[in-house]
Amino acid sequence: MVDHQWTVVYPPQAKMHVHGDAMTTGAELFPLLESLNFDVKAGVMLCGGDEAFYCELIQELHADVLPRRHLAVADPVECREYAHMLKGTLQTLGETSASMKARELEKVLREGAPHDELAAALLADLNRMDSTLNRVFKGS
């Protein structure tokens, strides 16, 4: 059996608009995503190999999905709906850890089982994602 090593190349053409005329490249964004355990290569492949589109989806994750993370600890119905949306979104972007927690959270909520610890663990992951992505999208 051959062991293959994969290398992700970060071409400068993968660009997205952050705000105004400021641009962020995949070369800047992808290492941060990998530090969060995103499988960037898989995420880009799920986006049809379009790195710019993938970068736009990451920006939408930061701007539209993560700000609603308080729903992870909201009432059970809102929490289940958010977990359902989150599991697919993160999986599509190549993130598996928080996606699996969201999947499990959705399951335990559907069963009416205790979910506070799992919701808190998911929220911690989402807070870490938001904090890390703020470095790119808010220049902090």
C-alpha atoms as a PDB file:
ATOM      1  CA  MET A   1       0.000   0.000   0.000  1.00  0.00           C
ATOM      2  CA  VAL A   2       1.313   3.425  -0.968  1.00  0.00           C
ATOM      3  CA  ASP A   3       1.138   6.217   1.574  1.00  0.00           C
ATOM      4  CA  HIS A   4       0.355   9.483  -0.181  1.00  0.00           C
ATOM      5  CA  GLN A   5       1.138  12.865   1.279  1.00  0.00           C
ATOM      6  CA  TRP A   6      -1.210  15.661   0.225  1.00  0.00           C
ATOM      7  CA  THR A   7      -0.131  19.262   0.101  1.00  0.00           C
ATOM      8  CA  VAL A   8      -2.652  22.070  -0.093  1.00  0.00           C
ATOM      9  CA  VAL A   9      -1.453  24.935  -2.266  1.00  0.00           C
ATOM     10  CA  TYR A  10      -2.780  28.377  -1.447  1.00  0.00           C
ATOM     11  CA  PRO A  11      -2.869  30.291  -4.719  1.00  0.00           C
ATOM     12  CA  PRO A  12      -3.221  34.056  -4.491  1.00  0.00           C
ATOM     13  CA  GLN A  13      -6.161  34.086  -6.935  1.00  0.00           C
ATOM     14  CA  ALA A  14      -8.541  32.741  -4.260  1.00  0.00           C
ATOM     15  CA  LYS A  15      -9.716  36.143  -3.020  1.00  0.00           C
ATOM     16  CA  MET A  16     -12.810  37.442  -1.299  1.00  0.00           C
ATOM     17  CA  HIS A  17     -14.127  40.829  -0.320  1.00  0.00           C
ATOM     18  CA  VAL A  18     -13.986  41.507   3.396  1.00  0.00           C
ATOM     19  CA  HIS A  19     -15.140  45.116   3.537  1.00  0.00           C
ATOM     20  CA  GLY A  20     -14.633  48.053   1.256  1.00  0.00           C
ATOM     21  CA  ASP A  21     -11.620  47.451  -0.933  1.00  0.00           C
ATOM     22  CA  ALA A  22      -9.853  45.168   1.552  1.00  0.00           C
ATOM     23  CA  MET A  23      -9.164  41.683   0.251  1.00  0.00           C
ATOM     24  CA  THR A  24      -8.168  38.479   1.960  1.00  0.00           C
ATOM     25  CA  THR A  25      -6.579  35.634   0.039  1.00  0.00           C
ATOM     26  CA  GLY A  26      -6.894  31.923   0.522  1.00  0.00           C
ATOM     27  CA  ALA A  27      -3.202  31.973   1.397  1.00  0.00           C
ATOM     28  CA  GLU A  28      -4.071  34.113   4.423  1.00  0.00           C
ATOM     29  CA  LEU A  29      -7.286  32.319   5.354  1.00  0.00           C
ATOM     30  CA  PHE A  30      -6.520  28.636   4.764  1.00  0.00           C
ATOM     31  CA  PRO A  31      -3.789  28.224   7.427  1.00  0.00           C
ATOM     32  CA  LEU A  32      -6.138  29.747  10.025  1.00  0.00           C
ATOM     33  CA  LEU A  33      -8.865  27.320   8.999  1.00  0.00           C
ATOM     34  CA  GLU A  34      -6.455  24.424   9.261  1.00  0.00           C
ATOM     35  CA  SER A  35      -5.542  25.583  12.788  1.00  0.00           C
ATOM     36  CA  LEU A  36      -9.254  25.103  13.533  1.00  0.00           C
ATOM     37  CA  ASN A  37      -9.086  21.575  12.069  1.00  0.00           C
ATOM     38  CA  PHE A  38     -10.900  22.431   8.843  1.00  0.00           C
ATOM     39  CA  ASP A  39     -10.043  20.091   5.980  1.00  0.00           C
ATOM     40  CA  VAL A  40      -9.637  22.932   3.486  1.00  0.00           C
ATOM     41  CA  LYS A  41      -8.925  20.639   0.561  1.00  0.00           C
ATOM     42  CA  ALA A  42     -12.146  18.672   1.163  1.00  0.00           C
ATOM     43  CA  GLY A  43     -14.137  21.880   1.619  1.00  0.00           C
ATOM     44  CA  VAL A  44     -12.825  23.359  -1.615  1.00  0.00           C
ATOM     45  CA  MET A  45     -13.592  20.112  -3.440  1.00  0.00           C
ATOM     46  CA  LEU A  46     -17.166  20.211  -2.116  1.00  0.00           C
ATOM     47  CA  CYS A  47     -17.353  23.718  -3.600  1.00  0.00           C
ATOM     48  CA  GLY A  48     -16.525  22.371  -7.042  1.00  0.00           C
ATOM     49  CA  GLY A  49     -12.849  23.227  -6.666  1.00  0.00           C
ATOM     50  CA  ASP A  50     -13.684  26.945  -6.569  1.00  0.00           C
ATOM     51  CA  GLU A  51     -11.452  28.414  -3.869  1.00  0.00           C
ATOM     52  CA  ALA A  52     -12.933  31.900  -4.168  1.00  0.00           C
ATOM     53  CA  PHE A  53     -16.427  30.483  -3.608  1.00  0.00           C
ATOM     54  CA  TYR A  54     -15.139  28.506  -0.614  1.00  0.00           C
ATOM     55  CA  CYS A  55     -13.660  31.720   0.826  1.00  0.00           C
ATOM     56  CA  GLU A  56     -17.015  33.461   0.347  1.00  0.00           C
ATOM     57  CA  LEU A  57     -18.761  30.647   2.242  1.00  0.00           C
ATOM     58  CA  ILE A  58     -16.275  30.979   5.108  1.00  0.00           C
ATOM     59  CA  GLN A  59     -17.001  34.703   5.187  1.00  0.00           C
ATOM     60  CA  GLU A  60     -20.749  33.936   5.322  1.00  0.00           C
ATOM     61  CA  LEU A  61     -20.116  31.456   8.141  1.00  0.00           C
ATOM     62  CA  HIS A  62     -18.415  34.241  10.072  1.00  0.00           C
ATOM     63  CA  ALA A  63     -20.947  36.948   9.219  1.00  0.00           C
ATOM     64  CA  ASP A  64     -24.251  35.045   9.290  1.00  0.00           C
ATOM     65  CA  VAL A  65     -23.927  31.690  11.082  1.00  0.00           C
ATOM     66  CA  LEU A  66     -21.529  32.217  13.979  1.00  0.00           C
ATOM     67  CA  PRO A  67     -23.290  35.360  15.284  1.00  0.00           C
ATOM     68  CA  ARG A  68     -26.329  33.146  15.935  1.00  0.00           C
ATOM     69  CA  ARG A  69     -24.333  30.696  18.075  1.00  0.00           C
ATOM     70  CA  HIS A  70     -26.240  31.750  21.193  1.00  0.00           C
ATOM     71  CA  LEU A  71     -29.009  29.537  19.736  1.00  0.00           C
ATOM     72  CA  ALA A  72     -26.850  26.548  20.683  1.00  0.00           C
ATOM     73  CA  VAL A  73     -27.886  27.167  24.275  1.00  0.00           C
ATOM     74  CA  ALA A  74     -31.373  28.522  23.573  1.00  0.00           C
ATOM     75  CA  ASP A  75     -34.639  26.684  23.991  1.00  0.00           C
ATOM     76  CA  PRO A  76     -34.587  23.101  22.691  1.00  0.00           C
ATOM     77  CA  VAL A  77     -36.525  23.791  19.469  1.00  0.00           C
ATOM     78  CA  GLU A  78     -34.293  26.696  18.378  1.00  0.00           C
ATOM     79  CA  CYS A  79     -31.217  24.788  19.472  1.00  0.00           C
ATOM     80  CA  ARG A  80     -32.210  21.717  17.423  1.00  0.00           C
ATOM     81  CA  GLU A  81     -32.887  23.834  14.315  1.00  0.00           C
ATOM     82  CA  TYR A  82     -29.550  25.635  14.673  1.00  0.00           C
ATOM     83  CA  ALA A  83     -27.691  22.355  15.253  1.00  0.00           C
ATOM     84  CA  HIS A  84     -29.302  20.888  12.130  1.00  0.00           C
ATOM     85  CA  MET A  85     -28.220  23.850  10.000  1.00  0.00           C
ATOM     86  CA  LEU A  86     -24.771  23.963  11.564  1.00  0.00           C
ATOM     87  CA  LYS A  87     -23.914  20.292  11.036  1.00  0.00           C
ATOM     88  CA  GLY A  88     -24.411  20.521   7.281  1.00  0.00           C
ATOM     89  CA  THR A  89     -22.793  23.925   6.916  1.00  0.00           C
ATOM     90  CA  LEU A  90     -19.641  22.936   8.785  1.00  0.00           C
ATOM     91  CA  GLN A  91     -19.415  19.554   7.105  1.00  0.00           C
ATOM     92  CA  THR A  92     -19.619  21.209   3.678  1.00  0.00           C
ATOM     93  CA  LEU A  93     -16.796  23.549   4.676  1.00  0.00           C
ATOM     94  CA  GLY A  94     -14.588  20.645   5.775  1.00  0.00           C
ATOM     95  CA  GLU A  95     -14.926  21.054   9.536  1.00  0.00           C
ATOM     96  CA  THR A  96     -15.808  17.791  11.264  1.00  0.00           C
ATOM     97  CA  SER A  97     -15.377  18.235  15.030  1.00  0.00           C
ATOM     98  CA  ALA A  98     -18.039  20.891  15.673  1.00  0.00           C
ATOM     99  CA  SER A  99     -20.139  19.390  12.885  1.00  0.00           C
ATOM    100  CA  MET A 100     -20.197  16.050  14.728  1.00  0.00           C
ATOM    101  CA  LYS A 101     -21.095  17.808  17.985  1.00  0.00           C
ATOM    102  CA  ALA A 102     -23.946  19.601  16.196  1.00  0.00           C
ATOM    103  CA  ARG A 103     -25.153  16.268  14.768  1.00  0.00           C
ATOM    104  CA  GLU A 104     -25.087  14.663  18.213  1.00  0.00           C
ATOM    105  CA  LEU A 105     -26.778  17.690  19.791  1.00  0.00           C
ATOM    106  CA  GLU A 106     -29.577  17.537  17.249  1.00  0.00           C
ATOM    107  CA  LYS A 107     -30.021  13.821  18.001  1.00  0.00           C
ATOM    108  CA  VAL A 108     -30.174  14.178  21.792  1.00  0.00           C
ATOM    109  CA  LEU A 109     -32.580  17.102  21.511  1.00  0.00           C
ATOM    110  CA  ARG A 110     -34.863  15.078  19.255  1.00  0.00           C
ATOM    111  CA  GLU A 111     -34.803  12.304  21.885  1.00  0.00           C
ATOM    112  CA  GLY A 112     -35.415  14.741  24.738  1.00  0.00           C
ATOM    113  CA  ALA A 113     -32.172  13.719  26.441  1.00  0.00           C
ATOM    114  CA  PRO A 114     -30.000  16.051  28.572  1.00  0.00           C
ATOM    115  CA  HIS A 115     -27.949  18.284  26.317  1.00  0.00           C
ATOM    116  CA  ASP A 116     -26.376  21.084  28.377  1.00  0.00           C
ATOM    117  CA  GLU A 117     -22.810  19.714  28.338  1.00  0.00           C
ATOM    118  CA  LEU A 118     -22.882  18.997  24.624  1.00  0.00           C
ATOM    119  CA  ALA A 119     -24.358  22.424  23.848  1.00  0.00           C
ATOM    120  CA  ALA A 120     -21.644  24.081  25.967  1.00  0.00           C
ATOM    121  CA  ALA A 121     -18.901  22.110  24.175  1.00  0.00           C
ATOM    122  CA  LEU A 122     -20.313  23.102  20.780  1.00  0.00           C
ATOM    123  CA  LEU A 123     -20.572  26.736  21.865  1.00  0.00           C
ATOM    124  CA  ALA A 124     -16.921  26.674  22.980  1.00  0.00           C
ATOM    125  CA  ASP A 125     -15.889  25.394  19.518  1.00  0.00           C
ATOM    126  CA  LEU A 126     -17.960  28.081  17.806  1.00  0.00           C
ATOM    127  CA  ASN A 127     -16.512  30.807  20.038  1.00  0.00           C
ATOM    128  CA  ARG A 128     -12.997  29.637  19.126  1.00  0.00           C
ATOM    129  CA  MET A 129     -13.910  29.672  15.413  1.00  0.00           C
ATOM    130  CA  ASP A 130     -15.326  33.176  15.672  1.00  0.00           C
ATOM    131  CA  SER A 131     -12.319  34.479  17.572  1.00  0.00           C
ATOM    132  CA  THR A 132      -9.903  33.017  15.035  1.00  0.00           C
ATOM    133  CA  LEU A 133     -11.866  34.227  12.005  1.00  0.00           C
ATOM    134  CA  ASN A 134     -12.051  37.712  13.535  1.00  0.00           C
ATOM    135  CA  ARG A 135      -8.294  37.956  12.882  1.00  0.00           C
ATOM    136  CA  VAL A 136      -9.004  37.888   9.145  1.00  0.00           C
ATOM    137  CA  PHE A 137     -12.382  39.499   8.812  1.00  0.00           C
ATOM    138  CA  LYS A 138     -12.089  42.258  11.417  1.00  0.00           C
ATOM    139  CA  GLY A 139      -8.343  42.729  11.294  1.00  0.00           C
ATOM    140  CA  SER A 140      -7.897  42.000  14.992  1.00  0.00           C
END
